[in-house]
Structures are given as structure tokens and as C-alpha cells.
Protein backbone atom coordinates (compact mmCIF):
# COMPACT_ATOMS: atom_id res chain seq x y z
CA MET A 1 6.46 -55.27 36.68
CA SER A 2 5.36 -58.07 34.33
CA THR A 3 6.17 -61.76 35.65
CA SER A 4 7.89 -62.64 32.15
CA LYS A 5 10.50 -59.77 32.81
CA LEU A 6 11.06 -60.96 36.39
CA PRO A 7 14.06 -62.83 35.71
CA TRP A 8 15.56 -59.61 33.48
CA HIS A 9 14.98 -57.50 36.78
CA LEU A 10 16.73 -60.15 38.79
CA LEU A 11 19.44 -60.17 36.52
CA ALA A 12 19.81 -56.24 36.71
CA LEU A 13 19.70 -56.42 40.54
CA VAL A 14 22.85 -58.71 40.69
CA VAL A 15 24.73 -56.93 37.87
CA VAL A 16 24.50 -53.72 40.19
CA ALA A 17 25.14 -55.25 42.89
CA VAL A 18 28.60 -56.34 41.48
CA TRP A 19 29.14 -52.97 40.41
CA GLY A 20 28.70 -51.61 43.55
CA LEU A 21 31.59 -53.55 45.06
CA THR A 22 34.05 -52.43 42.02
CA PHE A 23 33.83 -48.96 44.23
CA VAL A 24 35.85 -50.26 46.84
CA SER A 25 37.68 -52.91 45.06
CA THR A 26 39.28 -49.95 42.44
CA LYS A 27 39.61 -47.36 45.47
CA THR A 28 42.20 -50.32 47.02
CA LEU A 29 43.81 -50.81 44.00
CA ILE A 30 44.60 -47.40 43.45
CA SER A 31 45.77 -46.92 47.44
CA ALA A 32 47.97 -49.75 46.81
CA GLY A 33 49.67 -47.73 43.50
CA LEU A 34 48.04 -48.48 40.18
CA ASP A 35 46.96 -45.62 37.83
CA PRO A 36 43.32 -45.38 37.08
CA ALA A 37 44.20 -46.10 33.45
CA GLU A 38 46.28 -49.02 34.18
CA ILE A 39 43.56 -50.61 36.06
CA PHE A 40 41.25 -49.83 33.09
CA VAL A 41 43.63 -51.38 30.74
CA VAL A 42 44.47 -54.63 32.80
CA ARG A 43 40.55 -55.02 33.72
CA PHE A 44 39.19 -54.74 29.87
CA SER A 45 42.15 -56.60 28.38
CA ILE A 46 41.18 -59.58 30.53
CA ALA A 47 37.64 -58.95 29.97
CA TYR A 48 38.39 -58.94 25.75
CA LEU A 49 40.12 -62.13 26.27
CA GLY A 50 37.51 -63.74 27.91
CA ILE A 51 34.62 -62.59 25.38
CA TRP A 52 36.53 -63.91 22.67
CA VAL A 53 36.89 -67.19 24.25
CA LEU A 54 32.78 -66.85 24.97
CA SER A 55 32.41 -65.86 21.27
CA LEU A 56 34.44 -68.96 19.81
CA ALA A 57 32.63 -71.03 22.13
CA SER A 58 29.30 -69.93 21.08
CA ARG A 59 30.30 -69.85 17.59
CA HIS A 60 31.31 -73.97 18.06
CA ALA A 61 27.97 -74.66 19.96
CA ARG A 62 25.78 -73.10 17.41
CA SER A 63 27.53 -75.15 14.50
CA ILE A 64 26.75 -78.08 16.08
CA SER A 65 23.07 -77.05 16.70
CA ARG A 66 20.50 -77.63 14.05
CA HIS A 67 18.97 -74.69 15.10
CA ALA A 68 21.78 -72.35 14.45
CA ARG A 69 21.16 -68.89 13.16
CA PRO A 70 23.22 -68.10 10.14
CA ASP A 71 23.44 -64.45 11.12
CA ARG A 72 25.27 -64.56 14.56
CA ALA A 73 26.57 -68.27 14.22
CA SER A 74 30.09 -66.41 13.36
CA PRO A 75 32.03 -63.84 15.57
CA ALA A 76 32.23 -61.52 12.61
CA LEU A 77 34.78 -58.67 13.07
CA LEU A 78 33.03 -55.91 11.55
CA ALA A 79 29.33 -54.80 12.04
CA ARG A 80 27.07 -54.87 9.17
CA SER A 81 27.73 -51.29 8.23
CA TRP A 82 30.14 -48.43 8.53
CA GLN A 83 27.12 -46.45 10.61
CA ASP A 84 26.78 -49.50 13.04
CA GLU A 85 30.49 -49.49 13.76
CA LEU A 86 30.76 -46.05 14.42
CA LEU A 87 27.97 -46.47 17.03
CA PHE A 88 30.26 -49.27 18.42
CA ALA A 89 33.37 -47.05 18.69
CA PHE A 90 31.15 -44.37 20.32
CA LEU A 91 29.94 -46.87 22.78
CA GLY A 92 33.66 -47.88 23.30
CA VAL A 93 34.02 -44.71 24.41
CA THR A 94 31.29 -43.67 26.27
CA GLY A 95 30.78 -47.21 28.31
CA GLY A 96 34.59 -47.81 28.34
CA SER A 97 37.62 -45.53 28.01
CA PHE A 98 36.02 -42.25 29.03
CA TYR A 99 33.58 -43.82 31.62
CA PHE A 100 36.18 -45.70 33.26
CA LEU A 101 38.92 -42.83 33.19
CA THR A 102 36.38 -40.41 34.85
CA GLU A 103 35.31 -42.90 37.44
CA ASN A 104 38.61 -44.26 38.41
CA ASN A 105 40.58 -40.55 38.38
CA ALA A 106 37.27 -39.38 40.62
CA LEU A 107 38.07 -42.01 43.23
CA ALA A 108 41.40 -41.01 43.24
CA TYR A 109 40.64 -37.35 44.19
CA THR A 110 37.21 -37.93 46.39
CA GLN A 111 35.68 -40.80 48.58
CA ALA A 112 33.93 -43.76 47.08
CA SER A 113 30.44 -42.64 48.44
CA ASN A 114 30.73 -39.60 46.50
CA VAL A 115 31.52 -41.17 43.33
CA SER A 116 28.77 -43.70 43.41
CA PHE A 117 26.27 -40.96 44.32
CA LEU A 118 27.10 -38.75 41.63
CA VAL A 119 27.36 -42.00 38.89
CA CYS A 120 23.97 -42.55 40.17
CA SER A 121 22.40 -39.26 38.44
CA ALA A 122 22.84 -41.48 35.16
CA PRO A 123 19.27 -42.18 34.90
CA LEU A 124 18.16 -38.46 35.03
CA PHE A 125 20.63 -37.70 31.93
CA SER A 126 19.34 -40.70 30.30
CA ALA A 127 15.80 -39.62 30.59
CA LEU A 128 16.79 -35.99 29.36
CA PHE A 129 18.80 -37.67 26.58
CA SER A 130 16.05 -40.03 25.32
CA LEU A 131 13.63 -37.20 25.11
CA ILE A 132 15.98 -35.22 23.23
CA TYR A 133 16.64 -38.00 20.88
CA ARG A 134 12.96 -38.60 19.98
CA ARG A 135 12.17 -34.70 19.81
CA ILE A 136 15.18 -34.92 17.10
CA ARG A 137 13.59 -37.41 15.30
CA HIS A 138 10.04 -35.84 14.93
CA ASP A 139 8.32 -37.72 17.40
CA ARG A 140 5.48 -35.93 19.35
CA PHE A 141 6.27 -34.52 22.77
CA ALA A 142 3.87 -37.07 24.43
CA ASP A 143 4.98 -40.26 22.66
CA ALA A 144 8.61 -39.22 23.40
CA MET A 145 7.63 -38.88 27.18
CA GLU A 146 5.71 -42.41 27.03
CA ARG A 147 9.03 -44.03 25.67
CA ILE A 148 11.31 -42.35 27.94
CA GLY A 149 9.84 -43.83 31.15
CA SER A 150 6.61 -44.11 33.01
CA GLY A 151 5.31 -40.40 33.47
CA TRP A 152 4.75 -39.26 37.19
CA MET A 153 5.95 -43.03 38.58
CA LEU A 154 9.12 -42.40 37.11
CA ALA A 155 9.25 -38.78 38.19
CA LEU A 156 8.20 -39.87 41.65
CA GLY A 157 10.41 -42.42 41.69
CA THR A 158 13.38 -40.80 40.48
CA LEU A 159 12.92 -37.85 43.61
CA LEU A 160 12.50 -40.94 46.42
CA ALA A 161 15.67 -42.30 44.97
CA LEU A 162 17.73 -38.95 44.83
CA GLY A 163 16.19 -38.10 48.16
CA GLY A 164 17.59 -41.27 49.29
CA MET A 165 21.09 -41.03 47.92
CA ALA A 166 21.60 -37.55 49.69
CA LEU A 167 20.37 -39.04 52.85
CA MET A 168 23.09 -41.63 52.52
CA MET A 169 25.70 -39.50 50.98
CA PHE A 170 25.56 -36.47 52.89
CA ASP A 171 24.40 -36.84 56.35
CA GLY A 172 27.20 -35.31 57.75
CA GLN A 173 29.50 -37.96 58.55
CA ARG A 174 31.03 -39.48 55.43
CA VAL A 175 30.95 -36.60 52.82
CA GLN A 176 34.28 -35.24 51.55
CA VAL A 177 33.64 -32.59 48.81
CA SER A 178 36.38 -32.58 45.85
CA LEU A 179 35.03 -30.58 43.37
CA ARG A 180 37.70 -32.32 40.77
CA GLY A 181 36.85 -35.51 41.75
CA ASP A 182 32.62 -34.85 41.75
CA LEU A 183 33.23 -33.39 38.44
CA LEU A 184 34.97 -36.27 37.21
CA ALA A 185 32.03 -38.62 38.71
CA LEU A 186 29.46 -36.22 37.13
CA GLY A 187 31.46 -36.91 33.67
CA ALA A 188 31.31 -40.61 34.24
CA ALA A 189 27.41 -40.33 34.78
CA LEU A 190 27.04 -38.76 31.33
CA CYS A 191 29.19 -41.27 29.65
CA TRP A 192 26.83 -43.86 31.23
CA ALA A 193 23.48 -42.43 29.90
CA LEU A 194 24.97 -41.73 26.44
CA TYR A 195 25.88 -45.54 26.47
CA SER A 196 22.56 -46.77 27.96
CA LEU A 197 20.68 -44.63 25.33
CA PHE A 198 22.12 -46.98 22.22
CA ILE A 199 23.39 -50.30 23.52
CA GLY A 200 19.98 -52.23 24.04
CA LYS A 201 18.85 -51.25 20.50
CA ILE A 202 22.39 -52.49 18.67
CA THR A 203 22.43 -55.55 21.43
CA GLU A 204 18.83 -56.84 19.91
CA GLU A 205 20.56 -56.61 16.08
CA TYR A 206 23.83 -58.03 16.72
CA GLY A 207 23.75 -60.22 20.13
CA ALA A 208 25.01 -59.62 23.57
CA LEU A 209 28.58 -61.09 23.21
CA PHE A 210 29.20 -59.10 19.70
CA ALA A 211 28.12 -55.80 21.24
CA THR A 212 30.36 -56.40 24.38
CA ARG A 213 33.34 -57.66 22.44
CA LYS A 214 33.37 -54.26 20.17
CA VAL A 215 32.55 -52.24 23.42
CA PHE A 216 35.69 -53.81 24.95
CA PHE A 217 37.67 -53.33 21.92
CA TYR A 218 37.09 -49.70 21.37
CA GLY A 219 37.41 -49.03 24.91
CA LEU A 220 41.10 -50.95 25.12
CA LEU A 221 41.81 -48.86 21.84
CA THR A 222 40.55 -45.32 22.45
CA ILE A 223 42.22 -45.78 26.04
CA LEU A 224 46.04 -45.84 24.30
CA PRO A 225 46.53 -42.27 23.88
CA PHE A 226 46.52 -42.19 27.76
CA LEU A 227 49.08 -44.00 28.47
CA LEU A 228 51.31 -42.30 26.38
CA GLY A 229 54.34 -40.90 28.31
CA ARG A 230 53.20 -42.72 31.47
CA GLU A 231 55.30 -44.27 34.08
CA PHE A 232 53.74 -47.77 34.82
CA ALA A 233 53.52 -49.35 38.19
CA PRO A 234 56.51 -51.95 39.05
CA LEU A 235 55.56 -55.74 38.06
CA GLU A 236 55.94 -56.80 41.74
CA LEU A 237 52.90 -54.94 42.69
CA PHE A 238 50.65 -56.98 40.79
CA LEU A 239 52.01 -60.00 42.26
CA LEU A 240 50.35 -58.95 45.82
CA PRO A 241 47.03 -60.96 46.17
CA VAL A 242 45.35 -58.02 47.11
CA VAL A 243 46.19 -56.55 43.53
CA TRP A 244 45.45 -59.22 41.26
CA GLY A 245 42.60 -60.33 43.20
CA ASP A 246 40.87 -57.08 42.81
CA LEU A 247 41.76 -57.08 38.83
CA LEU A 248 40.59 -60.62 38.31
CA PHE A 249 37.57 -59.62 39.89
CA LEU A 250 37.11 -56.36 37.78
CA GLY A 251 38.18 -58.19 34.62
CA LEU A 252 35.95 -61.20 34.87
CA CYS A 253 33.12 -60.63 36.90
CA ALA A 254 32.54 -56.90 36.74
CA SER A 255 33.53 -56.04 33.13
CA LEU A 256 33.00 -59.56 31.20
CA ALA A 257 29.99 -61.60 32.89
CA CYS A 258 28.24 -57.95 34.03
CA PHE A 259 28.90 -56.42 30.73
CA VAL A 260 27.17 -59.12 28.71
CA ALA A 261 24.65 -59.38 31.39
CA TRP A 262 23.75 -55.43 31.56
CA ASN A 263 23.33 -55.37 27.63
CA LEU A 264 20.80 -58.07 27.50
CA VAL A 265 18.92 -56.36 30.47
CA THR A 266 19.06 -53.15 28.63
CA ALA A 267 17.93 -54.76 25.53
CA ARG A 268 14.81 -56.88 27.47
CA LEU A 269 13.83 -54.17 29.68
CA GLY A 270 14.57 -50.77 27.66
CA ASN A 271 17.36 -48.16 28.65
CA ILE A 272 14.99 -46.35 31.08
CA THR A 273 14.00 -49.01 33.37
CA ALA A 274 17.43 -50.77 33.56
CA ILE A 275 19.49 -47.39 34.14
CA ASN A 276 17.28 -46.96 36.82
CA TYR A 277 18.72 -49.91 38.75
CA VAL A 278 21.75 -48.09 38.85
CA TYR A 279 20.36 -46.10 41.91
CA LEU A 280 21.04 -49.07 44.09
CA ASN A 281 24.67 -48.60 43.46
CA PRO A 282 25.21 -46.52 46.71
CA VAL A 283 23.54 -49.00 48.83
CA PHE A 284 25.97 -51.79 47.54
CA THR A 285 28.84 -49.51 47.83
CA LEU A 286 27.84 -48.90 51.45
CA ILE A 287 27.23 -52.48 52.18
CA SER A 288 30.63 -53.53 50.96
CA ALA A 289 32.38 -50.53 52.65
CA MET A 290 30.97 -51.67 55.90
CA LEU A 291 31.98 -55.32 55.51
CA LEU A 292 35.38 -54.48 54.02
CA LEU A 293 36.66 -51.33 55.33
CA GLY A 294 34.78 -51.15 58.72
CA GLU A 295 31.85 -48.70 58.09
CA ARG A 296 28.83 -48.48 59.86
CA LEU A 297 25.49 -47.67 58.77
CA THR A 298 23.73 -44.55 60.16
CA PRO A 299 20.31 -43.95 60.93
CA ALA A 300 20.04 -41.47 57.65
CA GLY A 301 22.12 -44.33 55.49
CA ALA A 302 19.46 -46.85 56.69
CA VAL A 303 16.55 -44.37 55.76
CA GLY A 304 18.05 -43.25 52.61
CA SER A 305 18.58 -46.98 51.34
CA ALA A 306 15.12 -47.85 51.98
CA LEU A 307 13.86 -44.57 49.36
CA ILE A 308 16.53 -45.78 47.09
CA LEU A 309 14.80 -49.35 46.94
CA ALA A 310 11.26 -47.61 46.85
CA GLY A 311 12.22 -45.18 43.72
CA VAL A 312 13.81 -48.13 41.69
CA ILE A 313 10.60 -50.05 42.03
CA LEU A 314 8.39 -46.71 41.48
CA ALA A 315 10.66 -45.88 38.26
CA GLY A 316 10.73 -49.46 36.72
CA ARG A 317 6.47 -49.57 37.02
CA ARG A 318 4.28 -48.47 33.81
CA VAL A 319 1.35 -46.59 34.55
């Protein structure tokens, strides 16, 4: 691991730690009576307003700086080409509306640990999609394999991490199989793998604030059809401290701050290295469940946590 990239690895770790908490937070909101689509709308609306505040503040800061970059000084509304605009719409679906719809609905049908485990299969799908993408672009197979990861280190790290998650989640004490919920969680993993495949490059081209703002916008836009005909939760429900507290956490911290940070991490480390940190989600989900829900760490869970940590370290190295 390069020393110059150490801060980005640490930032990825912080982001995944926060996202590990979101499984418990979202489960709490669903149990309180909120619909998964409602949670997404409120969460991303808060984040979208926040990203505009950051964009305008960044614009003002650059306008008074002698070193302002003209291509990123203004928070433009549209991308520089219609192809990029379509790509942002695709990212808004895969990293926004569809991802959170599948993940949140999965939490309504199965336990948080199951969802966390299945979402963590995203790195495997990301590696596969990267290979297919390189082959479509007529790259040689060896070059494609070199670009999607770190060879046998990636394979070994992936196997260790998957084995660790299996120990944590299927130790016979917490598992509750729900086909509908598990399939939805698998769909969320597919969405996140596709999102991770393209977000790094587009973030390098447009900057983290612009890219994140576009993802939030298209995420909110494409969720609207799913709100038609729904009966919304009563207003007094949103006044409960546990509800608005979790919504603020999800909107400002887990969405606004973490999406900006994650897009930067993906741009600096590459999509495969960055997405392998998703393997740590079950660890942080389990820790938050222990602290907030009173669950205890089993011996299998402890060994699984260690294997996941070892797998992430190996998968992130270069040979």
C-alpha cells in the first residue's frame, strides 16, 4: 500500500464504518413505520440541499482565489456532453434510486446482517463487470486482469473476505433466510458494482461536488414513479426524535458527506481497490448492532471479522 495513498485508504475506512451504521439506522426507521421509498426521498433531499450549499460555497471560495480553475469554478447545471449527462443519469439510478430501493426493501423482509452480507458481494460483481468492460473495449485479457485488481492477491483476499462473512452471518445464531429480501439485497450489490465501475473516472473529470450533486438529482428524479399511489407516513411520525435523528444522520452524514468522500476515494484508489472496503460493512454493522440492539459477538463472528480485515488488506495490495 503506497504511503501517499494512505489517507485515502483511511477515508475509505471511515466511510464504510458510517455506512455500516446505516443498516441499523434504516432498519429502525422501517420498524417505526416509514416506507423504504420515503426514507430514500427524505435522505437524498437533505443531501441534495446540502450539496448545493457546498457547491455554492466552493464557487465563492474559488472566485476569490488566485488559483481558481475556470473549468470547475462554477456549479454548472449540465455536463459538458449529452453522453456524460446520460452517464450521470445511469449513476443516479445505480448508486441512488434503485440501489437504495432494493437495499431498503430488503431490510423490510430480512435481517440487517443478511443484507449487509449480500451487499458485500458487490466487489466480485465489480471485478467481473470491469473485465467484461475491458474486453468489450478490445483490451487484451492480461491487461484487463491487471487493471481490474491485483491478480492472485485479489483472488485470495476475496476468498478470505467471503469466508469471513460466511462465518459472521451464517453461524447458525443470527441467520434468517428470506428469499425475497436476499434477492433484493443481491440486486443492491449489482447496482453498487455498476455505480463503482464508472463513478471514479467521471469524478476525476468533473470534480466530486458536481458528480455527487448529479447523482443525487437523478436519484431523486427516478424515484418519483415509485411514489405514485403510495400512502405516506403521518407527519407526527417525523417529529419523533429517533426518526428525525436517523434521517439527519442518513442525509447529512451517510449520504452528503460520505458520497462526496467515496467518489473522491474511488477516483484516487480505483474502483476495485475502493469497493473492496465494502467487505467491512458487516463488521461495522455487527458492532453497531451490538451497541444499539444488544446483540453479542459470537466466536464465529470474531474469527469472521479477522478474516474480512485480512481479505481487505490483501485485495487492496498490488503484486
